[in-house]
Amino acid sequence: MDTDRSRRIYVTVESVFDQTGYMQPISITWDGRRLPVEVRDFCPAASGAGSSRGDCYTIVIGGHEKHLFFERAGSLYPSRVGRWFVEVTG
């Protein structure tokens, strides 16, 4: 991924948690549309567009593979867990 031209699109994500605490995204809202997602892979990772701590989910949306990141909030915002974004190039 070309990190010099990457940007973040922050999205609303609907997710479920299993009994072990694993967070599984099931849909995102992008440009006002709710889109179901299929998770292909998961790994702890930082975004190529920055140094944020978090998780990277490789997802499929409408037949297109994207990277969905969960950016963990730092101690500066104790009432926030984090936020979601899709990293896009161009």
PDB file of N, CA and C in Angstrom:
ATOM      1  N   MET A   1       0.845  -1.171   0.000  1.00  0.00           N
ATOM      2  CA  MET A   1       0.000   0.000   0.000  1.00  0.00           C
ATOM      3  C   MET A   1       0.888   1.231   0.000  1.00  0.00           C
ATOM      4  N   ASP A   2       0.583   2.206  -0.811  1.00  0.00           N
ATOM      5  CA  ASP A   2       1.346   3.439  -0.930  1.00  0.00           C
ATOM      6  C   ASP A   2       0.976   4.369   0.224  1.00  0.00           C
ATOM      7  N   THR A   3       1.805   4.384   1.275  1.00  0.00           N
ATOM      8  CA  THR A   3       1.466   5.141   2.476  1.00  0.00           C
ATOM      9  C   THR A   3       1.516   6.646   2.251  1.00  0.00           C
ATOM     10  N   ASP A   4       2.255   7.129   1.228  1.00  0.00           N
ATOM     11  CA  ASP A   4       2.314   8.559   0.971  1.00  0.00           C
ATOM     12  C   ASP A   4       0.994   9.095   0.438  1.00  0.00           C
ATOM     13  N   ARG A   5       0.179   8.258  -0.166  1.00  0.00           N
ATOM     14  CA  ARG A   5      -1.069   8.704  -0.764  1.00  0.00           C
ATOM     15  C   ARG A   5      -2.283   8.109  -0.067  1.00  0.00           C
ATOM     16  N   SER A   6      -2.093   7.465   1.058  1.00  0.00           N
ATOM     17  CA  SER A   6      -3.201   6.862   1.789  1.00  0.00           C
ATOM     18  C   SER A   6      -3.922   7.909   2.620  1.00  0.00           C
ATOM     19  N   ARG A   7      -5.226   7.694   2.791  1.00  0.00           N
ATOM     20  CA  ARG A   7      -5.996   8.555   3.683  1.00  0.00           C
ATOM     21  C   ARG A   7      -7.018   7.710   4.418  1.00  0.00           C
ATOM     22  N   ARG A   8      -7.500   8.258   5.503  1.00  0.00           N
ATOM     23  CA  ARG A   8      -8.447   7.548   6.352  1.00  0.00           C
ATOM     24  C   ARG A   8      -9.859   8.053   6.094  1.00  0.00           C
ATOM     25  N   ILE A   9     -10.779   7.121   5.950  1.00  0.00           N
ATOM     26  CA  ILE A   9     -12.201   7.430   5.870  1.00  0.00           C
ATOM     27  C   ILE A   9     -12.823   6.823   7.126  1.00  0.00           C
ATOM     28  N   TYR A  10     -13.221   7.677   8.071  1.00  0.00           N
ATOM     29  CA  TYR A  10     -13.809   7.181   9.310  1.00  0.00           C
ATOM     30  C   TYR A  10     -15.237   6.730   9.053  1.00  0.00           C
ATOM     31  N   VAL A  11     -15.585   5.575   9.575  1.00  0.00           N
ATOM     32  CA  VAL A  11     -16.877   4.945   9.314  1.00  0.00           C
ATOM     33  C   VAL A  11     -17.509   4.471  10.618  1.00  0.00           C
ATOM     34  N   THR A  12     -18.828   4.276  10.567  1.00  0.00           N
ATOM     35  CA  THR A  12     -19.547   3.655  11.668  1.00  0.00           C
ATOM     36  C   THR A  12     -19.539   2.159  11.421  1.00  0.00           C
ATOM     37  N   VAL A  13     -19.214   1.393  12.446  1.00  0.00           N
ATOM     38  CA  VAL A  13     -19.136  -0.064  12.312  1.00  0.00           C
ATOM     39  C   VAL A  13     -20.062  -0.722  13.319  1.00  0.00           C
ATOM     40  N   GLU A  14     -20.820  -1.678  12.830  1.00  0.00           N
ATOM     41  CA  GLU A  14     -21.620  -2.525  13.708  1.00  0.00           C
ATOM     42  C   GLU A  14     -20.805  -3.795  13.928  1.00  0.00           C
ATOM     43  N   SER A  15     -20.616  -4.157  15.186  1.00  0.00           N
ATOM     44  CA  SER A  15     -19.824  -5.353  15.476  1.00  0.00           C
ATOM     45  C   SER A  15     -20.473  -6.145  16.600  1.00  0.00           C
ATOM     46  N   VAL A  16     -20.078  -7.393  16.679  1.00  0.00           N
ATOM     47  CA  VAL A  16     -20.539  -8.267  17.754  1.00  0.00           C
ATOM     48  C   VAL A  16     -19.309  -8.770  18.497  1.00  0.00           C
ATOM     49  N   PHE A  17     -19.519  -9.151  19.739  1.00  0.00           N
ATOM     50  CA  PHE A  17     -18.451  -9.695  20.563  1.00  0.00           C
ATOM     51  C   PHE A  17     -18.836 -11.111  20.954  1.00  0.00           C
ATOM     52  N   ASP A  18     -17.906 -12.051  20.776  1.00  0.00           N
ATOM     53  CA  ASP A  18     -18.203 -13.419  21.205  1.00  0.00           C
ATOM     54  C   ASP A  18     -17.863 -13.587  22.684  1.00  0.00           C
ATOM     55  N   GLN A  19     -18.070 -14.774  23.214  1.00  0.00           N
ATOM     56  CA  GLN A  19     -17.873 -15.022  24.645  1.00  0.00           C
ATOM     57  C   GLN A  19     -16.415 -14.873  25.085  1.00  0.00           C
ATOM     58  N   THR A  20     -15.481 -14.893  24.135  1.00  0.00           N
ATOM     59  CA  THR A  20     -14.072 -14.695  24.490  1.00  0.00           C
ATOM     60  C   THR A  20     -13.659 -13.230  24.426  1.00  0.00           C
ATOM     61  N   GLY A  21     -14.567 -12.373  23.941  1.00  0.00           N
ATOM     62  CA  GLY A  21     -14.257 -10.954  23.821  1.00  0.00           C
ATOM     63  C   GLY A  21     -13.767 -10.544  22.448  1.00  0.00           C
ATOM     64  N   TYR A  22     -13.713 -11.490  21.505  1.00  0.00           N
ATOM     65  CA  TYR A  22     -13.285 -11.168  20.140  1.00  0.00           C
ATOM     66  C   TYR A  22     -14.313 -10.246  19.492  1.00  0.00           C
ATOM     67  N   MET A  23     -13.859  -9.138  18.914  1.00  0.00           N
ATOM     68  CA  MET A  23     -14.715  -8.164  18.259  1.00  0.00           C
ATOM     69  C   MET A  23     -14.782  -8.489  16.769  1.00  0.00           C
ATOM     70  N   GLN A  24     -15.986  -8.731  16.266  1.00  0.00           N
ATOM     71  CA  GLN A  24     -16.189  -9.128  14.866  1.00  0.00           C
ATOM     72  C   GLN A  24     -17.049  -8.086  14.151  1.00  0.00           C
ATOM     73  N   PRO A  25     -16.479  -7.288  13.239  1.00  0.00           N
ATOM     74  CA  PRO A  25     -17.302  -6.348  12.473  1.00  0.00           C
ATOM     75  C   PRO A  25     -18.276  -7.107  11.574  1.00  0.00           C
ATOM     76  N   ILE A  26     -19.535  -6.635  11.504  1.00  0.00           N
ATOM     77  CA  ILE A  26     -20.510  -7.295  10.627  1.00  0.00           C
ATOM     78  C   ILE A  26     -21.051  -6.352   9.555  1.00  0.00           C
ATOM     79  N   SER A  27     -20.949  -5.039   9.773  1.00  0.00           N
ATOM     80  CA  SER A  27     -21.355  -4.091   8.733  1.00  0.00           C
ATOM     81  C   SER A  27     -20.686  -2.747   9.002  1.00  0.00           C
ATOM     82  N   ILE A  28     -20.588  -1.946   7.923  1.00  0.00           N
ATOM     83  CA  ILE A  28     -20.105  -0.578   8.069  1.00  0.00           C
ATOM     84  C   ILE A  28     -21.107   0.356   7.402  1.00  0.00           C
ATOM     85  N   THR A  29     -21.125   1.592   7.876  1.00  0.00           N
ATOM     86  CA  THR A  29     -21.917   2.626   7.223  1.00  0.00           C
ATOM     87  C   THR A  29     -20.931   3.568   6.552  1.00  0.00           C
ATOM     88  N   TRP A  30     -21.003   3.620   5.223  1.00  0.00           N
ATOM     89  CA  TRP A  30     -20.078   4.397   4.416  1.00  0.00           C
ATOM     90  C   TRP A  30     -20.922   5.229   3.454  1.00  0.00           C
ATOM     91  N   ASP A  31     -20.721   6.527   3.424  1.00  0.00           N
ATOM     92  CA  ASP A  31     -21.491   7.439   2.577  1.00  0.00           C
ATOM     93  C   ASP A  31     -22.990   7.268   2.784  1.00  0.00           C
ATOM     94  N   GLY A  32     -23.385   7.046   4.040  1.00  0.00           N
ATOM     95  CA  GLY A  32     -24.792   6.922   4.368  1.00  0.00           C
ATOM     96  C   GLY A  32     -25.420   5.574   4.059  1.00  0.00           C
ATOM     97  N   ARG A  33     -24.640   4.642   3.527  1.00  0.00           N
ATOM     98  CA  ARG A  33     -25.159   3.314   3.189  1.00  0.00           C
ATOM     99  C   ARG A  33     -24.614   2.279   4.158  1.00  0.00           C
ATOM    100  N   ARG A  34     -25.504   1.406   4.650  1.00  0.00           N
ATOM    101  CA  ARG A  34     -25.085   0.309   5.526  1.00  0.00           C
ATOM    102  C   ARG A  34     -24.719  -0.877   4.641  1.00  0.00           C
ATOM    103  N   LEU A  35     -23.463  -1.315   4.758  1.00  0.00           N
ATOM    104  CA  LEU A  35     -22.944  -2.383   3.906  1.00  0.00           C
ATOM    105  C   LEU A  35     -22.469  -3.558   4.751  1.00  0.00           C
ATOM    106  N   PRO A  36     -22.957  -4.768   4.463  1.00  0.00           N
ATOM    107  CA  PRO A  36     -22.446  -5.934   5.191  1.00  0.00           C
ATOM    108  C   PRO A  36     -20.989  -6.189   4.804  1.00  0.00           C
ATOM    109  N   VAL A  37     -20.214  -6.709   5.753  1.00  0.00           N
ATOM    110  CA  VAL A  37     -18.810  -7.022   5.469  1.00  0.00           C
ATOM    111  C   VAL A  37     -18.531  -8.484   5.792  1.00  0.00           C
ATOM    112  N   GLU A  38     -17.574  -9.024   5.073  1.00  0.00           N
ATOM    113  CA  GLU A  38     -17.058 -10.368   5.336  1.00  0.00           C
ATOM    114  C   GLU A  38     -15.613 -10.191   5.793  1.00  0.00           C
ATOM    115  N   VAL A  39     -15.284 -10.726   6.962  1.00  0.00           N
ATOM    116  CA  VAL A  39     -13.917 -10.619   7.479  1.00  0.00           C
ATOM    117  C   VAL A  39     -13.099 -11.781   6.930  1.00  0.00           C
ATOM    118  N   ARG A  40     -11.994 -11.448   6.282  1.00  0.00           N
ATOM    119  CA  ARG A  40     -11.094 -12.467   5.726  1.00  0.00           C
ATOM    120  C   ARG A  40      -9.893 -12.730   6.621  1.00  0.00           C
ATOM    121  N   ASP A  41      -9.431 -11.678   7.327  1.00  0.00           N
ATOM    122  CA  ASP A  41      -8.229 -11.824   8.145  1.00  0.00           C
ATOM    123  C   ASP A  41      -8.245 -10.751   9.232  1.00  0.00           C
ATOM    124  N   PHE A  42      -7.475 -10.998  10.263  1.00  0.00           N
ATOM    125  CA  PHE A  42      -7.338 -10.061  11.369  1.00  0.00           C
ATOM    126  C   PHE A  42      -5.907 -10.115  11.879  1.00  0.00           C
ATOM    127  N   CYS A  43      -5.370  -8.941  12.254  1.00  0.00           N
ATOM    128  CA  CYS A  43      -4.080  -8.908  12.941  1.00  0.00           C
ATOM    129  C   CYS A  43      -3.931  -7.588  13.676  1.00  0.00           C
ATOM    130  N   PRO A  44      -3.259  -7.615  14.823  1.00  0.00           N
ATOM    131  CA  PRO A  44      -2.925  -6.353  15.481  1.00  0.00           C
ATOM    132  C   PRO A  44      -1.985  -5.592  14.553  1.00  0.00           C
ATOM    133  N   ALA A  45      -2.250  -4.314  14.357  1.00  0.00           N
ATOM    134  CA  ALA A  45      -1.432  -3.561  13.412  1.00  0.00           C
ATOM    135  C   ALA A  45      -1.638  -2.073  13.581  1.00  0.00           C
ATOM    136  N   ALA A  46      -0.695  -1.328  13.063  1.00  0.00           N
ATOM    137  CA  ALA A  46      -0.830   0.121  12.966  1.00  0.00           C
ATOM    138  C   ALA A  46      -1.129   0.442  11.512  1.00  0.00           C
ATOM    139  N   SER A  47      -1.852   1.500  11.288  1.00  0.00           N
ATOM    140  CA  SER A  47      -2.177   1.925   9.935  1.00  0.00           C
ATOM    141  C   SER A  47      -0.925   2.396   9.223  1.00  0.00           C
ATOM    142  N   GLY A  48      -0.866   2.150   7.916  1.00  0.00           N
ATOM    143  CA  GLY A  48       0.222   2.671   7.108  1.00  0.00           C
ATOM    144  C   GLY A  48       0.168   4.182   6.989  1.00  0.00           C
ATOM    145  N   ALA A  49      -1.022   4.766   7.247  1.00  0.00           N
ATOM    146  CA  ALA A  49      -1.189   6.216   7.132  1.00  0.00           C
ATOM    147  C   ALA A  49      -0.826   6.938   8.429  1.00  0.00           C
ATOM    148  N   GLY A  50      -0.405   6.192   9.435  1.00  0.00           N
ATOM    149  CA  GLY A  50      -0.047   6.803  10.704  1.00  0.00           C
ATOM    150  C   GLY A  50       0.491   5.761  11.649  1.00  0.00           C
ATOM    151  N   SER A  51       0.719   6.147  12.864  1.00  0.00           N
ATOM    152  CA  SER A  51       1.313   5.216  13.817  1.00  0.00           C
ATOM    153  C   SER A  51       0.328   4.815  14.909  1.00  0.00           C
ATOM    154  N   SER A  52      -0.954   4.861  14.611  1.00  0.00           N
ATOM    155  CA  SER A  52      -1.974   4.529  15.599  1.00  0.00           C
ATOM    156  C   SER A  52      -1.918   3.065  15.998  1.00  0.00           C
ATOM    157  N   ARG A  53      -2.080   2.802  17.305  1.00  0.00           N
ATOM    158  CA  ARG A  53      -2.191   1.435  17.780  1.00  0.00           C
ATOM    159  C   ARG A  53      -3.576   0.932  17.429  1.00  0.00           C
ATOM    160  N   GLY A  54      -3.681  -0.331  17.109  1.00  0.00           N
ATOM    161  CA  GLY A  54      -5.003  -0.858  16.833  1.00  0.00           C
ATOM    162  C   GLY A  54      -4.967  -2.218  16.174  1.00  0.00           C
ATOM    163  N   ASP A  55      -6.044  -2.493  15.468  1.00  0.00           N
ATOM    164  CA  ASP A  55      -6.220  -3.779  14.812  1.00  0.00           C
ATOM    165  C   ASP A  55      -6.577  -3.546  13.358  1.00  0.00           C
ATOM    166  N   CYS A  56      -6.169  -4.480  12.505  1.00  0.00           N
ATOM    167  CA  CYS A  56      -6.487  -4.405  11.084  1.00  0.00           C
ATOM    168  C   CYS A  56      -7.310  -5.625  10.700  1.00  0.00           C
ATOM    169  N   TYR A  57      -8.461  -5.373  10.123  1.00  0.00           N
ATOM    170  CA  TYR A  57      -9.319  -6.425   9.601  1.00  0.00           C
ATOM    171  C   TYR A  57      -9.286  -6.331   8.086  1.00  0.00           C
ATOM    172  N   THR A  58      -8.954  -7.415   7.417  1.00  0.00           N
ATOM    173  CA  THR A  58      -9.080  -7.467   5.974  1.00  0.00           C
ATOM    174  C   THR A  58     -10.517  -7.890   5.709  1.00  0.00           C
ATOM    175  N   ILE A  59     -11.259  -7.012   5.026  1.00  0.00           N
ATOM    176  CA  ILE A  59     -12.684  -7.262   4.818  1.00  0.00           C
ATOM    177  C   ILE A  59     -13.011  -7.228   3.326  1.00  0.00           C
ATOM    178  N   VAL A  60     -14.158  -7.789   3.002  1.00  0.00           N
ATOM    179  CA  VAL A  60     -14.689  -7.708   1.651  1.00  0.00           C
ATOM    180  C   VAL A  60     -16.006  -6.955   1.730  1.00  0.00           C
ATOM    181  N   ILE A  61     -16.113  -5.894   0.926  1.00  0.00           N
ATOM    182  CA  ILE A  61     -17.324  -5.082   0.828  1.00  0.00           C
ATOM    183  C   ILE A  61     -17.726  -5.077  -0.634  1.00  0.00           C
ATOM    184  N   GLY A  62     -18.872  -5.634  -0.940  1.00  0.00           N
ATOM    185  CA  GLY A  62     -19.352  -5.627  -2.326  1.00  0.00           C
ATOM    186  C   GLY A  62     -18.363  -6.207  -3.312  1.00  0.00           C
ATOM    187  N   GLY A  63     -17.636  -7.245  -2.907  1.00  0.00           N
ATOM    188  CA  GLY A  63     -16.673  -7.896  -3.782  1.00  0.00           C
ATOM    189  C   GLY A  63     -15.293  -7.257  -3.813  1.00  0.00           C
ATOM    190  N   HIS A  64     -15.099  -6.165  -3.071  1.00  0.00           N
ATOM    191  CA  HIS A  64     -13.803  -5.472  -3.047  1.00  0.00           C
ATOM    192  C   HIS A  64     -13.135  -5.656  -1.690  1.00  0.00           C
ATOM    193  N   GLU A  65     -11.857  -6.002  -1.714  1.00  0.00           N
ATOM    194  CA  GLU A  65     -11.104  -6.180  -0.475  1.00  0.00           C
ATOM    195  C   GLU A  65     -10.567  -4.838   0.008  1.00  0.00           C
ATOM    196  N   LYS A  66     -10.770  -4.564   1.294  1.00  0.00           N
ATOM    197  CA  LYS A  66     -10.301  -3.328   1.924  1.00  0.00           C
ATOM    198  C   LYS A  66      -9.696  -3.661   3.274  1.00  0.00           C
ATOM    199  N   HIS A  67      -8.996  -2.685   3.853  1.00  0.00           N
ATOM    200  CA  HIS A  67      -8.475  -2.825   5.205  1.00  0.00           C
ATOM    201  C   HIS A  67      -9.279  -1.911   6.122  1.00  0.00           C
ATOM    202  N   LEU A  68      -9.874  -2.511   7.148  1.00  0.00           N
ATOM    203  CA  LEU A  68     -10.659  -1.791   8.148  1.00  0.00           C
ATOM    204  C   LEU A  68      -9.842  -1.781   9.434  1.00  0.00           C
ATOM    205  N   PHE A  69      -9.547  -0.598   9.935  1.00  0.00           N
ATOM    206  CA  PHE A  69      -8.727  -0.466  11.136  1.00  0.00           C
ATOM    207  C   PHE A  69      -9.574  -0.036  12.321  1.00  0.00           C
ATOM    208  N   PHE A  70      -9.280  -0.624  13.477  1.00  0.00           N
ATOM    209  CA  PHE A  70      -9.822  -0.146  14.733  1.00  0.00           C
ATOM    210  C   PHE A  70      -8.684   0.576  15.431  1.00  0.00           C
ATOM    211  N   GLU A  71      -8.826   1.884  15.559  1.00  0.00           N
ATOM    212  CA  GLU A  71      -7.807   2.749  16.143  1.00  0.00           C
ATOM    213  C   GLU A  71      -8.137   2.942  17.624  1.00  0.00           C
ATOM    214  N   ARG A  72      -7.317   2.392  18.479  1.00  0.00           N
ATOM    215  CA  ARG A  72      -7.578   2.471  19.922  1.00  0.00           C
ATOM    216  C   ARG A  72      -7.320   3.883  20.441  1.00  0.00           C
ATOM    217  N   ALA A  73      -8.231   4.345  21.286  1.00  0.00           N
ATOM    218  CA  ALA A  73      -8.082   5.667  21.893  1.00  0.00           C
ATOM    219  C   ALA A  73      -6.981   5.609  22.944  1.00  0.00           C
ATOM    220  N   GLY A  74      -6.278   6.688  23.081  1.00  0.00           N
ATOM    221  CA  GLY A  74      -5.237   6.766  24.093  1.00  0.00           C
ATOM    222  C   GLY A  74      -5.812   7.199  25.432  1.00  0.00           C
ATOM    223  N   SER A  75      -4.966   7.370  26.397  1.00  0.00           N
ATOM    224  CA  SER A  75      -5.402   7.746  27.741  1.00  0.00           C
ATOM    225  C   SER A  75      -5.946   9.167  27.804  1.00  0.00           C
ATOM    226  N   LEU A  76      -5.753   9.945  26.743  1.00  0.00           N
ATOM    227  CA  LEU A  76      -6.266  11.307  26.682  1.00  0.00           C
ATOM    228  C   LEU A  76      -7.798  11.324  26.698  1.00  0.00           C
ATOM    229  N   TYR A  77      -8.426  10.249  26.200  1.00  0.00           N
ATOM    230  CA  TYR A  77      -9.886  10.152  26.120  1.00  0.00           C
ATOM    231  C   TYR A  77     -10.361   8.911  26.873  1.00  0.00           C
ATOM    232  N   PRO A  78     -10.424   8.941  28.189  1.00  0.00           N
ATOM    233  CA  PRO A  78     -10.751   7.732  28.959  1.00  0.00           C
ATOM    234  C   PRO A  78     -12.160   7.182  28.715  1.00  0.00           C
ATOM    235  N   SER A  79     -13.100   7.993  28.221  1.00  0.00           N
ATOM    236  CA  SER A  79     -14.451   7.494  27.990  1.00  0.00           C
ATOM    237  C   SER A  79     -14.630   6.918  26.581  1.00  0.00           C
ATOM    238  N   ARG A  80     -13.587   6.963  25.763  1.00  0.00           N
ATOM    239  CA  ARG A  80     -13.654   6.433  24.395  1.00  0.00           C
ATOM    240  C   ARG A  80     -12.786   5.191  24.276  1.00  0.00           C
ATOM    241  N   VAL A  81     -13.333   4.172  23.605  1.00  0.00           N
ATOM    242  CA  VAL A  81     -12.568   2.947  23.371  1.00  0.00           C
ATOM    243  C   VAL A  81     -11.711   3.095  22.124  1.00  0.00           C
ATOM    244  N   GLY A  82     -12.283   3.651  21.074  1.00  0.00           N
ATOM    245  CA  GLY A  82     -11.572   3.824  19.822  1.00  0.00           C
ATOM    246  C   GLY A  82     -12.531   4.182  18.711  1.00  0.00           C
ATOM    247  N   ARG A  83     -12.004   4.192  17.486  1.00  0.00           N
ATOM    248  CA  ARG A  83     -12.842   4.463  16.323  1.00  0.00           C
ATOM    249  C   ARG A  83     -12.342   3.675  15.126  1.00  0.00           C
ATOM    250  N   TRP A  84     -13.199   3.569  14.131  1.00  0.00           N
ATOM    251  CA  TRP A  84     -12.946   2.741  12.958  1.00  0.00           C
ATOM    252  C   TRP A  84     -12.675   3.613  11.728  1.00  0.00           C
ATOM    253  N   PHE A  85     -11.770   3.137  10.866  1.00  0.00           N
ATOM    254  CA  PHE A  85     -11.590   3.785   9.574  1.00  0.00           C
ATOM    255  C   PHE A  85     -11.151   2.780   8.527  1.00  0.00           C
ATOM    256  N   VAL A  86     -11.446   3.124   7.283  1.00  0.00           N
ATOM    257  CA  VAL A  86     -10.982   2.359   6.137  1.00  0.00           C
ATOM    258  C   VAL A  86      -9.865   3.178   5.509  1.00  0.00           C
ATOM    259  N   GLU A  87      -8.774   2.527   5.196  1.00  0.00           N
ATOM    260  CA  GLU A  87      -7.653   3.223   4.567  1.00  0.00           C
ATOM    261  C   GLU A  87      -7.787   3.083   3.053  1.00  0.00           C
ATOM    262  N   VAL A  88      -7.819   4.208   2.375  1.00  0.00           N
ATOM    263  CA  VAL A  88      -7.940   4.210   0.925  1.00  0.00           C
ATOM    264  C   VAL A  88      -6.762   4.949   0.315  1.00  0.00           C
ATOM    265  N   THR A  89      -6.430   4.627  -0.912  1.00  0.00           N
ATOM    266  CA  THR A  89      -5.338   5.288  -1.607  1.00  0.00           C
ATOM    267  C   THR A  89      -5.925   6.150  -2.709  1.00  0.00           C
ATOM    268  N   GLY A  90      -5.135   7.152  -3.059  1.00  0.00           N
ATOM    269  CA  GLY A  90      -5.559   8.002  -4.175  1.00  0.00           C
ATOM    270  C   GLY A  90      -6.015   9.354  -3.783  1.00  0.00           C
TER     271      GLY A  90
END
